[in-house]
C-alpha atoms as a PDB file:
ATOM      1  CA  MET A   1      16.136 -41.237 -11.431  1.00  0.00           C
ATOM      2  CA  ARG A   2      16.588 -37.430 -12.422  1.00  0.00           C
ATOM      3  CA  HIS A   3      13.654 -37.913 -14.756  1.00  0.00           C
ATOM      4  CA  ALA A   4      11.548 -39.516 -12.005  1.00  0.00           C
ATOM      5  CA  LEU A   5      12.462 -36.735  -9.653  1.00  0.00           C
ATOM      6  CA  LEU A   6      11.302 -34.044 -12.193  1.00  0.00           C
ATOM      7  CA  THR A   7       8.250 -35.703 -12.815  1.00  0.00           C
ATOM      8  CA  LEU A   8       7.323 -35.643  -9.298  1.00  0.00           C
ATOM      9  CA  ALA A   9       8.395 -32.192  -8.842  1.00  0.00           C
ATOM     10  CA  LEU A  10       6.094 -31.144 -11.667  1.00  0.00           C
ATOM     11  CA  GLY A  11       3.100 -33.024 -10.303  1.00  0.00           C
ATOM     12  CA  LEU A  12       3.512 -31.611  -7.136  1.00  0.00           C
ATOM     13  CA  ALA A  13       3.326 -28.369  -8.499  1.00  0.00           C
ATOM     14  CA  ALA A  14       0.551 -29.010 -10.553  1.00  0.00           C
ATOM     15  CA  LEU A  15      -1.438 -30.174  -7.303  1.00  0.00           C
ATOM     16  CA  ALA A  16      -0.280 -27.214  -5.367  1.00  0.00           C
ATOM     17  CA  ALA A  17      -1.371 -24.615  -7.853  1.00  0.00           C
ATOM     18  CA  PRO A  18      -5.264 -25.342  -7.917  1.00  0.00           C
ATOM     19  CA  ALA A  19      -5.052 -25.968  -3.993  1.00  0.00           C
ATOM     20  CA  ARG A  20      -3.481 -22.285  -3.471  1.00  0.00           C
ATOM     21  CA  ALA A  21      -6.180 -21.241  -5.853  1.00  0.00           C
ATOM     22  CA  ASP A  22      -9.012 -22.475  -3.682  1.00  0.00           C
ATOM     23  CA  VAL A  23      -7.191 -20.795  -0.557  1.00  0.00           C
ATOM     24  CA  GLU A  24      -7.057 -17.376  -2.264  1.00  0.00           C
ATOM     25  CA  ALA A  25     -10.711 -17.655  -3.402  1.00  0.00           C
ATOM     26  CA  ASP A  26     -11.612 -18.785   0.344  1.00  0.00           C
ATOM     27  CA  ASN A  27      -9.398 -15.812   1.656  1.00  0.00           C
ATOM     28  CA  TRP A  28     -11.241 -13.219  -0.477  1.00  0.00           C
ATOM     29  CA  ALA A  29     -14.592 -14.583   0.571  1.00  0.00           C
ATOM     30  CA  ARG A  30     -13.471 -14.207   4.282  1.00  0.00           C
ATOM     31  CA  TYR A  31     -12.161 -10.826   3.599  1.00  0.00           C
ATOM     32  CA  LYS A  32     -15.255  -9.619   1.943  1.00  0.00           C
ATOM     33  CA  ALA A  33     -17.595 -11.090   4.741  1.00  0.00           C
ATOM     34  CA  ALA A  34     -15.536  -9.542   7.301  1.00  0.00           C
ATOM     35  CA  PHE A  35     -14.986  -6.090   5.960  1.00  0.00           C
ATOM     36  CA  ILE A  36     -16.918  -5.190   3.074  1.00  0.00           C
ATOM     37  CA  ALA A  37     -20.712  -3.999   3.943  1.00  0.00           C
ATOM     38  CA  PRO A  38     -23.480  -4.983   1.391  1.00  0.00           C
ATOM     39  CA  GLU A  39     -23.329  -1.349   0.092  1.00  0.00           C
ATOM     40  CA  GLY A  40     -19.759  -1.356  -0.863  1.00  0.00           C
ATOM     41  CA  ARG A  41     -18.375   0.441   2.056  1.00  0.00           C
ATOM     42  CA  LEU A  42     -15.026  -1.130   3.611  1.00  0.00           C
ATOM     43  CA  VAL A  43     -15.716  -1.047   7.539  1.00  0.00           C
ATOM     44  CA  ASP A  44     -12.883  -0.739  10.011  1.00  0.00           C
ATOM     45  CA  ALA A  45     -14.605  -2.051  13.090  1.00  0.00           C
ATOM     46  CA  GLY A  46     -11.595  -1.330  15.073  1.00  0.00           C
ATOM     47  CA  ALA A  47     -11.912   2.384  14.678  1.00  0.00           C
ATOM     48  CA  GLU A  48     -15.571   3.135  15.477  1.00  0.00           C
ATOM     49  CA  ASN A  49     -16.885   1.464  12.103  1.00  0.00           C
ATOM     50  CA  VAL A  50     -15.109   4.399  10.278  1.00  0.00           C
ATOM     51  CA  SER A  51     -14.277   4.118   6.354  1.00  0.00           C
ATOM     52  CA  HIS A  52     -11.301   5.721   4.544  1.00  0.00           C
ATOM     53  CA  SER A  53     -10.182   6.384   1.161  1.00  0.00           C
ATOM     54  CA  GLU A  54      -7.024   4.211   1.901  1.00  0.00           C
ATOM     55  CA  GLY A  55      -9.715   1.371   2.817  1.00  0.00           C
ATOM     56  CA  GLN A  56     -12.013   1.880  -0.453  1.00  0.00           C
ATOM     57  CA  GLY A  57      -8.759   1.914  -2.421  1.00  0.00           C
ATOM     58  CA  TYR A  58      -7.413  -1.394  -0.942  1.00  0.00           C
ATOM     59  CA  ALA A  59     -10.707  -3.284  -1.329  1.00  0.00           C
ATOM     60  CA  LEU A  60     -11.007  -1.723  -5.032  1.00  0.00           C
ATOM     61  CA  THR A  61      -7.583  -3.237  -5.859  1.00  0.00           C
ATOM     62  CA  LEU A  62      -8.265  -6.479  -4.204  1.00  0.00           C
ATOM     63  CA  ALA A  63     -11.589  -6.862  -5.906  1.00  0.00           C
ATOM     64  CA  ALA A  64      -9.846  -6.258  -9.318  1.00  0.00           C
ATOM     65  CA  PHE A  65      -7.166  -8.582  -8.685  1.00  0.00           C
ATOM     66  CA  HIS A  66      -9.667 -11.235  -7.580  1.00  0.00           C
ATOM     67  CA  ASP A  67     -11.806 -10.573 -10.598  1.00  0.00           C
ATOM     68  CA  ASP A  68     -14.839  -9.690  -8.638  1.00  0.00           C
ATOM     69  CA  ARG A  69     -16.866  -7.528 -10.792  1.00  0.00           C
ATOM     70  CA  GLU A  70     -19.914  -7.190  -8.912  1.00  0.00           C
ATOM     71  CA  ILE A  71     -18.101  -6.307  -5.525  1.00  0.00           C
ATOM     72  CA  PHE A  72     -15.782  -3.850  -7.288  1.00  0.00           C
ATOM     73  CA  ALA A  73     -18.927  -2.022  -8.988  1.00  0.00           C
ATOM     74  CA  LYS A  74     -20.520  -1.822  -5.357  1.00  0.00           C
ATOM     75  CA  LEU A  75     -17.183  -0.409  -3.843  1.00  0.00           C
ATOM     76  CA  TRP A  76     -16.849   2.285  -6.735  1.00  0.00           C
ATOM     77  CA  ALA A  77     -20.417   3.239  -6.318  1.00  0.00           C
ATOM     78  CA  TRP A  78     -20.091   3.977  -2.782  1.00  0.00           C
ATOM     79  CA  THR A  79     -16.823   5.493  -3.104  1.00  0.00           C
ATOM     80  CA  ALA A  80     -17.919   7.826  -5.663  1.00  0.00           C
ATOM     81  CA  ALA A  81     -21.225   8.808  -3.800  1.00  0.00           C
ATOM     82  CA  ASN A  82     -19.756   9.564  -0.309  1.00  0.00           C
ATOM     83  CA  LEU A  83     -16.006  10.310  -0.940  1.00  0.00           C
ATOM     84  CA  GLU A  84     -15.562  11.613  -4.137  1.00  0.00           C
ATOM     85  CA  ILE A  85     -17.336  14.845  -2.925  1.00  0.00           C
ATOM     86  CA  ARG A  86     -14.698  17.610  -3.358  1.00  0.00           C
ATOM     87  CA  GLY A  87     -15.290  18.209  -6.991  1.00  0.00           C
ATOM     88  CA  ASP A  88     -11.603  17.755  -8.046  1.00  0.00           C
ATOM     89  CA  HIS A  89     -11.592  13.882  -8.517  1.00  0.00           C
ATOM     90  CA  LEU A  90     -10.061  13.634  -5.261  1.00  0.00           C
ATOM     91  CA  ALA A  91     -11.595  11.816  -2.311  1.00  0.00           C
ATOM     92  CA  ALA A  92     -12.355  12.942   1.084  1.00  0.00           C
ATOM     93  CA  TRP A  93     -10.240  10.913   3.468  1.00  0.00           C
ATOM     94  CA  ARG A  94     -12.477   9.924   6.133  1.00  0.00           C
ATOM     95  CA  TRP A  95     -16.092   8.791   6.489  1.00  0.00           C
ATOM     96  CA  ARG A  96     -17.537   8.435  10.104  1.00  0.00           C
ATOM     97  CA  PRO A  97     -21.075   7.113  10.627  1.00  0.00           C
ATOM     98  CA  GLN A  98     -21.136   9.320  13.746  1.00  0.00           C
ATOM     99  CA  ASP A  99     -20.553  12.435  12.000  1.00  0.00           C
ATOM    100  CA  THR A 100     -22.871  15.096  10.270  1.00  0.00           C
ATOM    101  CA  PRO A 101     -21.945  15.070   7.296  1.00  0.00           C
ATOM    102  CA  HIS A 102     -20.258  11.985   7.479  1.00  0.00           C
ATOM    103  CA  ALA A 103     -17.248  13.433   5.699  1.00  0.00           C
ATOM    104  CA  LEU A 104     -16.470  16.416   7.952  1.00  0.00           C
ATOM    105  CA  ASP A 105     -13.113  16.939   6.647  1.00  0.00           C
ATOM    106  CA  ARG A 106     -12.744  17.014   2.970  1.00  0.00           C
ATOM    107  CA  ASN A 107      -9.152  17.069   2.706  1.00  0.00           C
ATOM    108  CA  ASN A 108      -7.726  14.257   0.681  1.00  0.00           C
ATOM    109  CA  ALA A 109      -5.026  11.410   1.559  1.00  0.00           C
ATOM    110  CA  THR A 110      -2.876  10.926  -1.260  1.00  0.00           C
ATOM    111  CA  ASP A 111      -2.145   7.229  -0.588  1.00  0.00           C
ATOM    112  CA  GLY A 112      -5.906   6.893  -0.692  1.00  0.00           C
ATOM    113  CA  ASP A 113      -6.332   8.617  -3.852  1.00  0.00           C
ATOM    114  CA  LEU A 114      -3.586   6.463  -5.403  1.00  0.00           C
ATOM    115  CA  LEU A 115      -4.879   3.323  -4.335  1.00  0.00           C
ATOM    116  CA  ILE A 116      -8.378   4.080  -5.691  1.00  0.00           C
ATOM    117  CA  ALA A 117      -6.818   4.958  -9.146  1.00  0.00           C
ATOM    118  CA  TRP A 118      -4.613   1.739  -9.005  1.00  0.00           C
ATOM    119  CA  GLY A 119      -7.998  -0.397  -8.549  1.00  0.00           C
ATOM    120  CA  LEU A 120      -9.886   1.615 -11.130  1.00  0.00           C
ATOM    121  CA  ALA A 121      -6.790   1.523 -13.718  1.00  0.00           C
ATOM    122  CA  GLU A 122      -6.483  -2.523 -13.014  1.00  0.00           C
ATOM    123  CA  ALA A 123     -10.414  -3.065 -13.327  1.00  0.00           C
ATOM    124  CA  GLY A 124     -10.160  -1.108 -16.796  1.00  0.00           C
ATOM    125  CA  ARG A 125      -7.301  -3.071 -17.859  1.00  0.00           C
ATOM    126  CA  ARG A 126      -8.652  -6.515 -16.978  1.00  0.00           C
ATOM    127  CA  TRP A 127     -12.334  -5.948 -17.968  1.00  0.00           C
ATOM    128  CA  LYS A 128     -11.557  -3.623 -20.753  1.00  0.00           C
ATOM    129  CA  ALA A 129     -13.723  -1.065 -18.920  1.00  0.00           C
ATOM    130  CA  PRO A 130     -13.219   2.303 -20.424  1.00  0.00           C
ATOM    131  CA  GLU A 131     -15.405   4.009 -17.801  1.00  0.00           C
ATOM    132  CA  TYR A 132     -13.040   2.843 -15.051  1.00  0.00           C
ATOM    133  CA  THR A 133      -9.824   3.651 -17.011  1.00  0.00           C
ATOM    134  CA  ALA A 134     -11.158   7.306 -17.561  1.00  0.00           C
ATOM    135  CA  GLN A 135     -11.788   7.789 -13.869  1.00  0.00           C
ATOM    136  CA  ALA A 136      -8.390   6.669 -13.134  1.00  0.00           C
ATOM    137  CA  ARG A 137      -7.015   9.126 -15.547  1.00  0.00           C
ATOM    138  CA  ARG A 138      -9.132  11.851 -14.027  1.00  0.00           C
ATOM    139  CA  ILE A 139      -7.580  11.122 -10.420  1.00  0.00           C
ATOM    140  CA  ALA A 140      -4.262  10.761 -12.092  1.00  0.00           C
ATOM    141  CA  PHE A 141      -4.354  14.289 -13.309  1.00  0.00           C
ATOM    142  CA  ALA A 142      -6.017  15.755 -10.124  1.00  0.00           C
ATOM    143  CA  LEU A 143      -3.025  14.205  -8.066  1.00  0.00           C
ATOM    144  CA  ALA A 144      -0.551  15.670 -10.403  1.00  0.00           C
ATOM    145  CA  ALA A 145      -2.131  19.128 -10.085  1.00  0.00           C
ATOM    146  CA  LYS A 146      -2.828  18.927  -6.192  1.00  0.00           C
ATOM    147  CA  VAL A 147      -0.088  17.059  -4.489  1.00  0.00           C
ATOM    148  CA  VAL A 148       3.130  16.756  -6.667  1.00  0.00           C
ATOM    149  CA  PHE A 149       5.710  19.309  -5.757  1.00  0.00           C
ATOM    150  CA  ARG A 150       9.136  19.970  -6.314  1.00  0.00           C
ATOM    151  CA  THR A 151      11.890  19.160  -4.045  1.00  0.00           C
ATOM    152  CA  ALA A 152      15.780  18.625  -4.243  1.00  0.00           C
ATOM    153  CA  TYR A 153      15.185  14.924  -4.676  1.00  0.00           C
ATOM    154  CA  GLY A 154      12.811  15.345  -7.645  1.00  0.00           C
ATOM    155  CA  PRO A 155       9.018  15.533  -7.855  1.00  0.00           C
ATOM    156  CA  ALA A 156       7.530  14.288  -4.664  1.00  0.00           C
ATOM    157  CA  LEU A 157       3.934  13.630  -3.152  1.00  0.00           C
ATOM    158  CA  ARG A 158       2.461  15.546  -0.488  1.00  0.00           C
ATOM    159  CA  PRO A 159       0.470  13.369   1.907  1.00  0.00           C
ATOM    160  CA  GLY A 160      -2.737  15.737   1.191  1.00  0.00           C
ATOM    161  CA  ALA A 161      -3.853  18.630  -0.930  1.00  0.00           C
ATOM    162  CA  ALA A 162      -3.698  20.730   2.370  1.00  0.00           C
ATOM    163  CA  GLY A 163      -1.904  20.839   5.734  1.00  0.00           C
ATOM    164  CA  PHE A 164       1.612  19.424   4.618  1.00  0.00           C
ATOM    165  CA  GLY A 165       3.321  22.248   2.800  1.00  0.00           C
ATOM    166  CA  ASP A 166       5.957  24.699   4.048  1.00  0.00           C
ATOM    167  CA  GLU A 167       3.346  27.286   4.638  1.00  0.00           C
ATOM    168  CA  ASP A 168       1.102  24.739   6.684  1.00  0.00           C
ATOM    169  CA  ALA A 169       3.768  23.166   9.252  1.00  0.00           C
ATOM    170  CA  LYS A 170       6.656  24.782  10.991  1.00  0.00           C
ATOM    171  CA  ASP A 171       9.019  22.138   9.554  1.00  0.00           C
ATOM    172  CA  GLY A 172       7.009  21.729   6.350  1.00  0.00           C
ATOM    173  CA  PRO A 173       6.999  20.418   3.918  1.00  0.00           C
ATOM    174  CA  LEU A 174       6.359  17.001   5.013  1.00  0.00           C
ATOM    175  CA  VAL A 175       6.465  13.830   3.491  1.00  0.00           C
ATOM    176  CA  ASN A 176       5.472  10.145   4.405  1.00  0.00           C
ATOM    177  CA  LEU A 177       7.272   7.495   2.295  1.00  0.00           C
ATOM    178  CA  SER A 178       4.614   4.988   2.782  1.00  0.00           C
ATOM    179  CA  TYR A 179       2.422   7.146   0.285  1.00  0.00           C
ATOM    180  CA  TRP A 180       4.701   6.130  -2.556  1.00  0.00           C
ATOM    181  CA  VAL A 181       2.502   3.265  -3.794  1.00  0.00           C
ATOM    182  CA  PHE A 182       4.869   2.095  -6.406  1.00  0.00           C
ATOM    183  CA  PRO A 183       2.439  -0.410  -8.014  1.00  0.00           C
ATOM    184  CA  ALA A 184      -0.043   2.233  -8.199  1.00  0.00           C
ATOM    185  CA  LEU A 185       2.398   4.651  -9.872  1.00  0.00           C
ATOM    186  CA  ASP A 186       3.175   1.840 -12.278  1.00  0.00           C
ATOM    187  CA  ALA A 187      -0.438   1.557 -12.994  1.00  0.00           C
ATOM    188  CA  LEU A 188      -0.965   5.564 -13.681  1.00  0.00           C
ATOM    189  CA  ALA A 189       2.031   5.476 -15.891  1.00  0.00           C
ATOM    190  CA  GLU A 190      -0.145   3.398 -18.142  1.00  0.00           C
ATOM    191  CA  VAL A 191      -3.204   5.285 -18.035  1.00  0.00           C
ATOM    192  CA  ALA A 192      -2.026   8.762 -17.762  1.00  0.00           C
ATOM    193  CA  PRO A 193       1.466   8.663 -19.553  1.00  0.00           C
ATOM    194  CA  GLU A 194       1.250  12.516 -19.661  1.00  0.00           C
ATOM    195  CA  VAL A 195       2.397  12.838 -16.096  1.00  0.00           C
ATOM    196  CA  ASP A 196       6.050  11.634 -15.446  1.00  0.00           C
ATOM    197  CA  TRP A 197       5.234   8.984 -12.828  1.00  0.00           C
ATOM    198  CA  ARG A 198       8.541   7.543 -13.126  1.00  0.00           C
ATOM    199  CA  ALA A 199      10.317  10.577 -12.107  1.00  0.00           C
ATOM    200  CA  ILE A 200       8.016  10.461  -9.013  1.00  0.00           C
ATOM    201  CA  GLU A 201       9.154   6.733  -8.440  1.00  0.00           C
ATOM    202  CA  ARG A 202      12.697   7.690  -8.598  1.00  0.00           C
ATOM    203  CA  SER A 203      12.444  10.756  -5.994  1.00  0.00           C
ATOM    204  CA  GLY A 204      10.749   8.203  -3.639  1.00  0.00           C
ATOM    205  CA  LEU A 205      13.599   5.874  -4.009  1.00  0.00           C
ATOM    206  CA  LYS A 206      16.192   8.596  -3.560  1.00  0.00           C
ATOM    207  CA  LEU A 207      14.283   9.607  -0.451  1.00  0.00           C
ATOM    208  CA  TYR A 208      14.488   6.219   0.997  1.00  0.00           C
ATOM    209  CA  ASP A 209      18.187   6.185   0.348  1.00  0.00           C
ATOM    210  CA  ALA A 210      18.604   9.309   2.059  1.00  0.00           C
ATOM    211  CA  ALA A 211      16.348   8.808   5.062  1.00  0.00           C
ATOM    212  CA  ARG A 212      18.462   6.675   7.335  1.00  0.00           C
ATOM    213  CA  PHE A 213      18.321   7.838  10.718  1.00  0.00           C
ATOM    214  CA  GLY A 214      20.019   6.507  13.822  1.00  0.00           C
ATOM    215  CA  ALA A 215      22.119   3.436  14.229  1.00  0.00           C
ATOM    216  CA  LEU A 216      19.703   1.248  12.485  1.00  0.00           C
ATOM    217  CA  ALA A 217      19.725   3.605   9.340  1.00  0.00           C
ATOM    218  CA  LEU A 218      15.801   3.400   9.011  1.00  0.00           C
ATOM    219  CA  PRO A 219      13.313   6.027   7.839  1.00  0.00           C
ATOM    220  CA  CYS A 220      10.509   7.015  10.158  1.00  0.00           C
ATOM    221  CA  ASP A 221       6.904   7.433   9.196  1.00  0.00           C
ATOM    222  CA  TRP A 222       6.803  11.453   9.010  1.00  0.00           C
ATOM    223  CA  ILE A 223       9.753  13.392   7.582  1.00  0.00           C
ATOM    224  CA  SER A 224      10.547  16.891   7.102  1.00  0.00           C
ATOM    225  CA  LEU A 225      12.171  18.418   4.137  1.00  0.00           C
ATOM    226  CA  ARG A 226      12.628  21.959   5.596  1.00  0.00           C
ATOM    227  CA  GLY A 227      16.428  22.833   5.397  1.00  0.00           C
ATOM    228  CA  GLY A 228      17.453  19.229   4.645  1.00  0.00           C
ATOM    229  CA  LEU A 229      15.795  15.988   5.528  1.00  0.00           C
ATOM    230  CA  ARG A 230      15.114  14.747   9.172  1.00  0.00           C
ATOM    231  CA  PRO A 231      12.451  13.268  11.202  1.00  0.00           C
ATOM    232  CA  ALA A 232       9.307  15.533  11.282  1.00  0.00           C
ATOM    233  CA  GLU A 233       8.551  17.647  14.739  1.00  0.00           C
ATOM    234  CA  GLY A 234       5.821  16.625  16.899  1.00  0.00           C
ATOM    235  CA  ARG A 235       5.353  13.160  15.404  1.00  0.00           C
ATOM    236  CA  ALA A 236       6.461   9.862  16.890  1.00  0.00           C
ATOM    237  CA  ARG A 237      10.202   9.102  15.300  1.00  0.00           C
ATOM    238  CA  VAL A 238       9.380   5.416  14.518  1.00  0.00           C
ATOM    239  CA  PHE A 239       9.298   2.983  11.537  1.00  0.00           C
ATOM    240  CA  GLY A 240       5.778   2.118  12.601  1.00  0.00           C
ATOM    241  CA  TYR A 241       2.216   1.413  11.341  1.00  0.00           C
ATOM    242  CA  GLU A 242       2.884   3.848   8.349  1.00  0.00           C
ATOM    243  CA  LEU A 243       6.145   2.526   6.909  1.00  0.00           C
ATOM    244  CA  VAL A 244       5.360  -1.113   7.535  1.00  0.00           C
ATOM    245  CA  ARG A 245       3.663  -1.037   4.305  1.00  0.00           C
ATOM    246  CA  ALA A 246       6.944   0.136   2.632  1.00  0.00           C
ATOM    247  CA  PRO A 247       8.330  -3.232   2.090  1.00  0.00           C
ATOM    248  CA  LEU A 248       5.129  -4.498   0.353  1.00  0.00           C
ATOM    249  CA  TYR A 249       5.171  -1.300  -1.942  1.00  0.00           C
ATOM    250  CA  LEU A 250       8.789  -1.795  -2.665  1.00  0.00           C
ATOM    251  CA  ALA A 251       8.533  -5.511  -3.404  1.00  0.00           C
ATOM    252  CA  TRP A 252       5.411  -4.789  -5.736  1.00  0.00           C
ATOM    253  CA  GLY A 253       7.330  -1.928  -7.368  1.00  0.00           C
ATOM    254  CA  PRO A 254       9.820  -1.517 -10.444  1.00  0.00           C
ATOM    255  CA  GLN A 255      13.098  -3.325 -10.636  1.00  0.00           C
ATOM    256  CA  GLN A 256      15.234  -0.697  -9.726  1.00  0.00           C
ATOM    257  CA  ALA A 257      13.687  -0.701  -6.380  1.00  0.00           C
ATOM    258  CA  LYS A 258      15.138  -3.843  -5.055  1.00  0.00           C
ATOM    259  CA  PRO A 259      18.396  -2.404  -3.820  1.00  0.00           C
ATOM    260  CA  THR A 260      16.292   0.069  -1.630  1.00  0.00           C
ATOM    261  CA  LEU A 261      13.922  -2.919  -0.532  1.00  0.00           C
ATOM    262  CA  VAL A 262      17.151  -5.170   0.396  1.00  0.00           C
ATOM    263  CA  LYS A 263      18.672  -2.456   2.453  1.00  0.00           C
ATOM    264  CA  LEU A 264      15.404  -1.593   4.267  1.00  0.00           C
ATOM    265  CA  THR A 265      14.439  -5.144   4.742  1.00  0.00           C
ATOM    266  CA  GLN A 266      17.956  -5.904   6.222  1.00  0.00           C
ATOM    267  CA  ALA A 267      17.753  -2.884   8.515  1.00  0.00           C
ATOM    268  CA  TRP A 268      14.216  -3.354   9.742  1.00  0.00           C
ATOM    269  CA  LEU A 269      14.281  -7.207  10.141  1.00  0.00           C
ATOM    270  CA  GLY A 270      17.854  -7.200  11.330  1.00  0.00           C
ATOM    271  CA  ALA A 271      16.908  -5.287  14.469  1.00  0.00           C
ATOM    272  CA  SER A 272      14.783  -8.220  15.616  1.00  0.00           C
ATOM    273  CA  GLY A 273      16.159 -11.199  14.303  1.00  0.00           C
ATOM    274  CA  GLY A 274      13.298 -11.516  11.555  1.00  0.00           C
ATOM    275  CA  ALA A 275      10.367 -10.483  13.299  1.00  0.00           C
ATOM    276  CA  PRO A 276       8.296  -7.338  12.218  1.00  0.00           C
ATOM    277  CA  VAL A 277       8.721  -4.615  14.784  1.00  0.00           C
ATOM    278  CA  VAL A 278       8.064  -0.801  15.469  1.00  0.00           C
ATOM    279  CA  VAL A 279      11.244   0.670  15.623  1.00  0.00           C
ATOM    280  CA  ASP A 280      12.414   3.892  17.318  1.00  0.00           C
ATOM    281  CA  VAL A 281      14.845   5.201  14.704  1.00  0.00           C
ATOM    282  CA  GLU A 282      16.446   7.790  17.106  1.00  0.00           C
ATOM    283  CA  LYS A 283      17.211   5.329  19.796  1.00  0.00           C
ATOM    284  CA  GLY A 284      17.735   2.448  17.351  1.00  0.00           C
ATOM    285  CA  ALA A 285      15.656   0.075  19.577  1.00  0.00           C
ATOM    286  CA  ILE A 286      12.487  -1.946  19.275  1.00  0.00           C
ATOM    287  CA  ALA A 287       9.603   0.032  20.534  1.00  0.00           C
ATOM    288  CA  GLN A 288       6.976  -2.681  20.279  1.00  0.00           C
ATOM    289  CA  SER A 289       5.972  -5.870  18.291  1.00  0.00           C
ATOM    290  CA  PHE A 290       3.651  -5.875  15.267  1.00  0.00           C
ATOM    291  CA  ASP A 291       0.581  -8.121  16.421  1.00  0.00           C
ATOM    292  CA  GLY A 292      -1.080  -9.823  13.485  1.00  0.00           C
ATOM    293  CA  LEU A 293      -0.393 -12.274  10.515  1.00  0.00           C
ATOM    294  CA  GLY A 294      -0.621  -9.308   7.931  1.00  0.00           C
ATOM    295  CA  TYR A 295       2.711  -7.625   9.299  1.00  0.00           C
ATOM    296  CA  ARG A 296       4.284 -10.993   9.306  1.00  0.00           C
ATOM    297  CA  ALA A 297       3.200 -11.552   5.738  1.00  0.00           C
ATOM    298  CA  VAL A 298       4.782  -8.135   4.582  1.00  0.00           C
ATOM    299  CA  ALA A 299       7.967  -9.508   6.274  1.00  0.00           C
ATOM    300  CA  ALA A 300       7.992 -12.652   4.347  1.00  0.00           C
ATOM    301  CA  LEU A 301       6.876 -11.082   1.113  1.00  0.00           C
ATOM    302  CA  ALA A 302       9.909  -8.890   1.466  1.00  0.00           C
ATOM    303  CA  ARG A 303      12.411 -11.563   2.163  1.00  0.00           C
ATOM    304  CA  CYS A 304      11.020 -13.368  -0.645  1.00  0.00           C
ATOM    305  CA  ALA A 305      11.541 -10.437  -3.180  1.00  0.00           C
ATOM    306  CA  ALA A 306      15.004  -9.542  -1.492  1.00  0.00           C
ATOM    307  CA  ASP A 307      16.658 -13.119  -1.557  1.00  0.00           C
ATOM    308  CA  GLY A 308      14.091 -15.707  -2.467  1.00  0.00           C
ATOM    309  CA  THR A 309      13.344 -16.954   0.905  1.00  0.00           C
ATOM    310  CA  PRO A 310      10.033 -19.215   0.629  1.00  0.00           C
ATOM    311  CA  PHE A 311       7.011 -17.551   1.785  1.00  0.00           C
ATOM    312  CA  PRO A 312       5.645 -19.787   4.796  1.00  0.00           C
ATOM    313  CA  ASP A 313       2.524 -21.703   4.335  1.00  0.00           C
ATOM    314  CA  GLU A 314       1.102 -20.996   7.660  1.00  0.00           C
ATOM    315  CA  LEU A 315       0.539 -17.173   6.311  1.00  0.00           C
ATOM    316  CA  ARG A 316      -1.152 -18.149   3.181  1.00  0.00           C
ATOM    317  CA  GLU A 317      -4.593 -18.493   4.966  1.00  0.00           C
ATOM    318  CA  LEU A 318      -6.552 -15.337   5.933  1.00  0.00           C
ATOM    319  CA  ARG A 319      -7.295 -15.444   9.766  1.00  0.00           C
ATOM    320  CA  GLN A 320      -9.637 -12.952  11.606  1.00  0.00           C
ATOM    321  CA  ASP A 321      -7.297 -10.204  12.263  1.00  0.00           C
ATOM    322  CA  GLY A 322      -8.308  -6.341  12.117  1.00  0.00           C
ATOM    323  CA  TYR A 323      -8.791  -4.687   8.916  1.00  0.00           C
ATOM    324  CA  TYR A 324      -5.366  -3.257   8.694  1.00  0.00           C
ATOM    325  CA  SER A 325      -3.417  -6.526   9.260  1.00  0.00           C
ATOM    326  CA  ALA A 326      -5.931  -8.583   7.137  1.00  0.00           C
ATOM    327  CA  THR A 327      -5.456  -6.359   4.353  1.00  0.00           C
ATOM    328  CA  LEU A 328      -1.694  -6.290   4.391  1.00  0.00           C
ATOM    329  CA  GLN A 329      -1.832 -10.058   4.391  1.00  0.00           C
ATOM    330  CA  MET A 330      -4.358  -9.884   1.429  1.00  0.00           C
ATOM    331  CA  LEU A 331      -2.118  -7.497  -0.529  1.00  0.00           C
ATOM    332  CA  SER A 332       1.044  -9.493   0.432  1.00  0.00           C
ATOM    333  CA  LEU A 333      -0.597 -12.797  -0.960  1.00  0.00           C
ATOM    334  CA  THR A 334      -1.730 -11.020  -4.133  1.00  0.00           C
ATOM    335  CA  ALA A 335       1.697  -9.654  -4.812  1.00  0.00           C
ATOM    336  CA  LEU A 336       3.063 -13.289  -4.054  1.00  0.00           C
ATOM    337  CA  ARG A 337       0.702 -14.691  -6.637  1.00  0.00           C
ATOM    338  CA  VAL A 338       1.351 -11.921  -9.486  1.00  0.00           C
ATOM    339  CA  ARG A 339       5.213 -11.139  -8.834  1.00  0.00           C
ATOM    340  CA  TYR A 340       6.815 -13.893  -7.052  1.00  0.00           C
ATOM    341  CA  PRO A 341       4.967 -17.414  -7.568  1.00  0.00           C
ATOM    342  CA  GLN A 342       8.462 -19.044  -7.087  1.00  0.00           C
ATOM    343  CA  CYS A 343       8.335 -18.315  -3.567  1.00  0.00           C
END
């Protein structure tokens, strides 16, 4: 009887693997059709067709993990030509079709640069493409020179090269914990080992553990490090649309991130009985619900990584959500495939 059950289980698993592979291929085809223009620009139709370094980085990373060399080459060509215009290998953070020039603000966004470098590093590794690896190294060294700064918690990441230091804001320096893209830091440790990316990872985890505000002990999107650690002034004090990415990055991060992930997941999802929500950290209350499968997928991935809860089948197929939700769903499904196939 036991042998028969084992045989049945193995047979079902063998059938499920190709079926899920087909779903993943369909998801990537839908994602490309919905959001990636023929020239290689990731378009956020919900925000006046704007493009960001973040979006290009997400698309490059997804293209690499889906072994799509053709679309990756187009994405990188567009990014290099239109965003890598500062002269220091960091990308201008926003490109808008209605602006002249299209990238009016040439400041970078650190998470966008990390994501671009991650995609390049992954492509270089998978396809043995030294030109992609070399560009990932250039971005890594530029980040180390322009955005890494010393704090009491260790080397930390400015959200951008300009505008977030103690000389730029009355409560600066400011940090945003969702800019610690842990799998990107892991990738850069491979291509640019001269930089101590592990120390940057550790500082991020220390900041997560210290930034526990209000009754629910949750961090908020923007944090001031001036004279201690507290919510930034003049910004919404919420665990919101920035930090909703945090469980995804922690789940995809190093093993030492798991205790932080477990605490964060329990605090965040415990506030709502399991649903992904925006939380007012000062009031310790739900501010609003997240609308979109991508946010639910992040929550499901977090539960899988924290305690092995199976990932719901209804979240495995990409729907026509907006760019951000769809991207979070695609990233969650990719993390599930490469890190948590047991779920």
